[in-house]
Amino acid sequence: MNESDRIDMLDDAVAAAAFRRLVRHLRKRHDAQNVDLMGLAGFCRNCLADWIREAGFDGDKASAREVIHGMPFEEWKEKYQTEATPEQMARMEESLRKNGGGH
């Protein structure tokens, strides 16, 4: 644990509750497209799915995405994902460069 970073001092139950609230919030905000999240913050719903797998989630990529999206990813894409504009893609690429090779 990094003592200088207070986030590491959060109780796991508190951190988990905040994470669940974030995921549920994103499930309601379909207007916040993944490409926009990537362009602004350098992560999206799919990144959260990757992160739970890296943290020990016992499931494959599709299962992790279903946990985060609240439905199979292909269904979510069909219902909510719009085609990205060239401007959105450019913002995403710029944002990803700021991540230093990770997400």
C-alpha atoms as a PDB file:
ATOM      1  CA  MET A   1       0.000   0.000   0.000  1.00  0.00           C
ATOM      2  CA  ASN A   2       1.186   3.486  -0.858  1.00  0.00           C
ATOM      3  CA  GLU A   3       0.798   5.442   2.406  1.00  0.00           C
ATOM      4  CA  SER A   4       0.952   8.782   0.586  1.00  0.00           C
ATOM      5  CA  ASP A   5      -2.072   7.928  -1.575  1.00  0.00           C
ATOM      6  CA  ARG A   6      -5.212   7.964   0.555  1.00  0.00           C
ATOM      7  CA  ILE A   7      -7.133   5.908  -2.004  1.00  0.00           C
ATOM      8  CA  ASP A   8      -5.135   2.894  -0.810  1.00  0.00           C
ATOM      9  CA  MET A   9      -6.396   3.549   2.714  1.00  0.00           C
ATOM     10  CA  LEU A  10     -10.055   3.145   1.736  1.00  0.00           C
ATOM     11  CA  ASP A  11     -11.751   0.141   3.226  1.00  0.00           C
ATOM     12  CA  ASP A  12     -12.330  -2.466   0.501  1.00  0.00           C
ATOM     13  CA  ALA A  13     -16.086  -2.446   1.156  1.00  0.00           C
ATOM     14  CA  VAL A  14     -16.216   1.336   0.688  1.00  0.00           C
ATOM     15  CA  ALA A  15     -14.159   1.151  -2.504  1.00  0.00           C
ATOM     16  CA  ALA A  16     -16.325  -1.669  -3.834  1.00  0.00           C
ATOM     17  CA  ALA A  17     -19.516   0.269  -3.098  1.00  0.00           C
ATOM     18  CA  ALA A  18     -18.149   3.314  -4.946  1.00  0.00           C
ATOM     19  CA  PHE A  19     -17.121   1.147  -7.903  1.00  0.00           C
ATOM     20  CA  ARG A  20     -20.593  -0.414  -8.079  1.00  0.00           C
ATOM     21  CA  ARG A  21     -22.159   3.033  -7.972  1.00  0.00           C
ATOM     22  CA  LEU A  22     -19.920   4.170 -10.842  1.00  0.00           C
ATOM     23  CA  VAL A  23     -20.869   1.133 -12.938  1.00  0.00           C
ATOM     24  CA  ARG A  24     -24.596   1.594 -12.246  1.00  0.00           C
ATOM     25  CA  HIS A  25     -24.287   5.284 -13.097  1.00  0.00           C
ATOM     26  CA  LEU A  26     -22.687   4.422 -16.452  1.00  0.00           C
ATOM     27  CA  ARG A  27     -25.428   1.868 -17.129  1.00  0.00           C
ATOM     28  CA  LYS A  28     -27.950   4.719 -16.946  1.00  0.00           C
ATOM     29  CA  ARG A  29     -25.899   7.149 -19.019  1.00  0.00           C
ATOM     30  CA  HIS A  30     -25.987   5.587 -22.464  1.00  0.00           C
ATOM     31  CA  ASP A  31     -25.512   9.071 -23.902  1.00  0.00           C
ATOM     32  CA  ALA A  32     -21.939   8.892 -22.606  1.00  0.00           C
ATOM     33  CA  GLN A  33     -20.516   6.826 -25.428  1.00  0.00           C
ATOM     34  CA  ASN A  34     -17.434   4.704 -24.788  1.00  0.00           C
ATOM     35  CA  VAL A  35     -15.508   6.668 -27.421  1.00  0.00           C
ATOM     36  CA  ASP A  36     -16.378   9.909 -25.598  1.00  0.00           C
ATOM     37  CA  LEU A  37     -15.284   8.480 -22.250  1.00  0.00           C
ATOM     38  CA  MET A  38     -12.034   7.359 -23.863  1.00  0.00           C
ATOM     39  CA  GLY A  39     -11.563  10.778 -25.455  1.00  0.00           C
ATOM     40  CA  LEU A  40     -12.096  12.628 -22.204  1.00  0.00           C
ATOM     41  CA  ALA A  41     -10.709  10.319 -19.529  1.00  0.00           C
ATOM     42  CA  GLY A  42      -8.753   7.613 -21.318  1.00  0.00           C
ATOM     43  CA  PHE A  43     -10.968   4.771 -20.110  1.00  0.00           C
ATOM     44  CA  CYS A  44     -14.442   3.412 -20.810  1.00  0.00           C
ATOM     45  CA  ARG A  45     -16.816   0.658 -19.785  1.00  0.00           C
ATOM     46  CA  ASN A  46     -14.711  -1.926 -21.616  1.00  0.00           C
ATOM     47  CA  CYS A  47     -11.651  -0.803 -19.675  1.00  0.00           C
ATOM     48  CA  LEU A  48     -13.565  -1.373 -16.440  1.00  0.00           C
ATOM     49  CA  ALA A  49     -14.314  -4.900 -17.660  1.00  0.00           C
ATOM     50  CA  ASP A  50     -10.607  -5.434 -18.349  1.00  0.00           C
ATOM     51  CA  TRP A  51      -9.730  -4.048 -14.919  1.00  0.00           C
ATOM     52  CA  ILE A  52     -12.047  -6.429 -13.062  1.00  0.00           C
ATOM     53  CA  ARG A  53     -10.441  -9.320 -14.934  1.00  0.00           C
ATOM     54  CA  GLU A  54      -6.975  -8.043 -14.000  1.00  0.00           C
ATOM     55  CA  ALA A  55      -8.161  -7.759 -10.389  1.00  0.00           C
ATOM     56  CA  GLY A  56      -9.135 -11.442 -10.332  1.00  0.00           C
ATOM     57  CA  PHE A  57     -12.625 -11.724 -11.860  1.00  0.00           C
ATOM     58  CA  ASP A  58     -13.089 -15.382 -12.733  1.00  0.00           C
ATOM     59  CA  GLY A  59     -14.532 -15.004 -16.196  1.00  0.00           C
ATOM     60  CA  ASP A  60     -13.605 -14.290 -19.764  1.00  0.00           C
ATOM     61  CA  LYS A  61     -13.685 -10.942 -21.555  1.00  0.00           C
ATOM     62  CA  ALA A  62     -17.315 -11.367 -22.665  1.00  0.00           C
ATOM     63  CA  SER A  63     -18.446 -12.224 -19.124  1.00  0.00           C
ATOM     64  CA  ALA A  64     -16.620  -9.238 -17.660  1.00  0.00           C
ATOM     65  CA  ARG A  65     -18.190  -6.898 -20.206  1.00  0.00           C
ATOM     66  CA  GLU A  66     -21.628  -8.316 -19.399  1.00  0.00           C
ATOM     67  CA  VAL A  67     -21.050  -7.561 -15.704  1.00  0.00           C
ATOM     68  CA  ILE A  68     -20.146  -3.949 -16.493  1.00  0.00           C
ATOM     69  CA  HIS A  69     -22.720  -3.299 -19.242  1.00  0.00           C
ATOM     70  CA  GLY A  70     -25.532  -5.159 -17.485  1.00  0.00           C
ATOM     71  CA  MET A  71     -26.168  -7.204 -20.626  1.00  0.00           C
ATOM     72  CA  PRO A  72     -24.127  -8.985 -23.289  1.00  0.00           C
ATOM     73  CA  PHE A  73     -21.801  -6.490 -24.973  1.00  0.00           C
ATOM     74  CA  GLU A  74     -23.152  -7.175 -28.469  1.00  0.00           C
ATOM     75  CA  GLU A  75     -26.659  -6.385 -27.225  1.00  0.00           C
ATOM     76  CA  TRP A  76     -25.426  -3.185 -25.573  1.00  0.00           C
ATOM     77  CA  LYS A  77     -23.647  -2.126 -28.763  1.00  0.00           C
ATOM     78  CA  GLU A  78     -26.762  -2.734 -30.846  1.00  0.00           C
ATOM     79  CA  LYS A  79     -28.993  -0.780 -28.460  1.00  0.00           C
ATOM     80  CA  TYR A  80     -26.759   2.106 -27.450  1.00  0.00           C
ATOM     81  CA  GLN A  81     -23.506   2.494 -29.381  1.00  0.00           C
ATOM     82  CA  THR A  82     -23.460   5.032 -32.166  1.00  0.00           C
ATOM     83  CA  GLU A  83     -20.887   5.239 -34.937  1.00  0.00           C
ATOM     84  CA  ALA A  84     -17.884   7.260 -33.878  1.00  0.00           C
ATOM     85  CA  THR A  85     -17.111  10.427 -35.781  1.00  0.00           C
ATOM     86  CA  PRO A  86     -13.593  11.184 -37.011  1.00  0.00           C
ATOM     87  CA  GLU A  87     -13.414  13.910 -34.340  1.00  0.00           C
ATOM     88  CA  GLN A  88     -14.324  11.450 -31.574  1.00  0.00           C
ATOM     89  CA  MET A  89     -11.703   8.996 -32.807  1.00  0.00           C
ATOM     90  CA  ALA A  90      -9.050  11.720 -32.920  1.00  0.00           C
ATOM     91  CA  ARG A  91      -9.860  12.788 -29.326  1.00  0.00           C
ATOM     92  CA  MET A  92      -9.709   9.159 -28.215  1.00  0.00           C
ATOM     93  CA  GLU A  93      -6.324   8.601 -29.860  1.00  0.00           C
ATOM     94  CA  GLU A  94      -4.936  11.776 -28.271  1.00  0.00           C
ATOM     95  CA  SER A  95      -6.288  10.754 -24.873  1.00  0.00           C
ATOM     96  CA  LEU A  96      -4.841   7.253 -25.149  1.00  0.00           C
ATOM     97  CA  ARG A  97      -1.396   8.726 -25.800  1.00  0.00           C
ATOM     98  CA  LYS A  98      -1.703  10.488 -22.435  1.00  0.00           C
ATOM     99  CA  ASN A  99      -2.229   7.088 -20.781  1.00  0.00           C
ATOM    100  CA  GLY A 100       1.360   6.144 -21.529  1.00  0.00           C
ATOM    101  CA  GLY A 101       0.599   2.840 -23.210  1.00  0.00           C
ATOM    102  CA  GLY A 102      -1.965   1.533 -20.724  1.00  0.00           C
ATOM    103  CA  HIS A 103      -5.609   2.067 -20.036  1.00  0.00           C
END
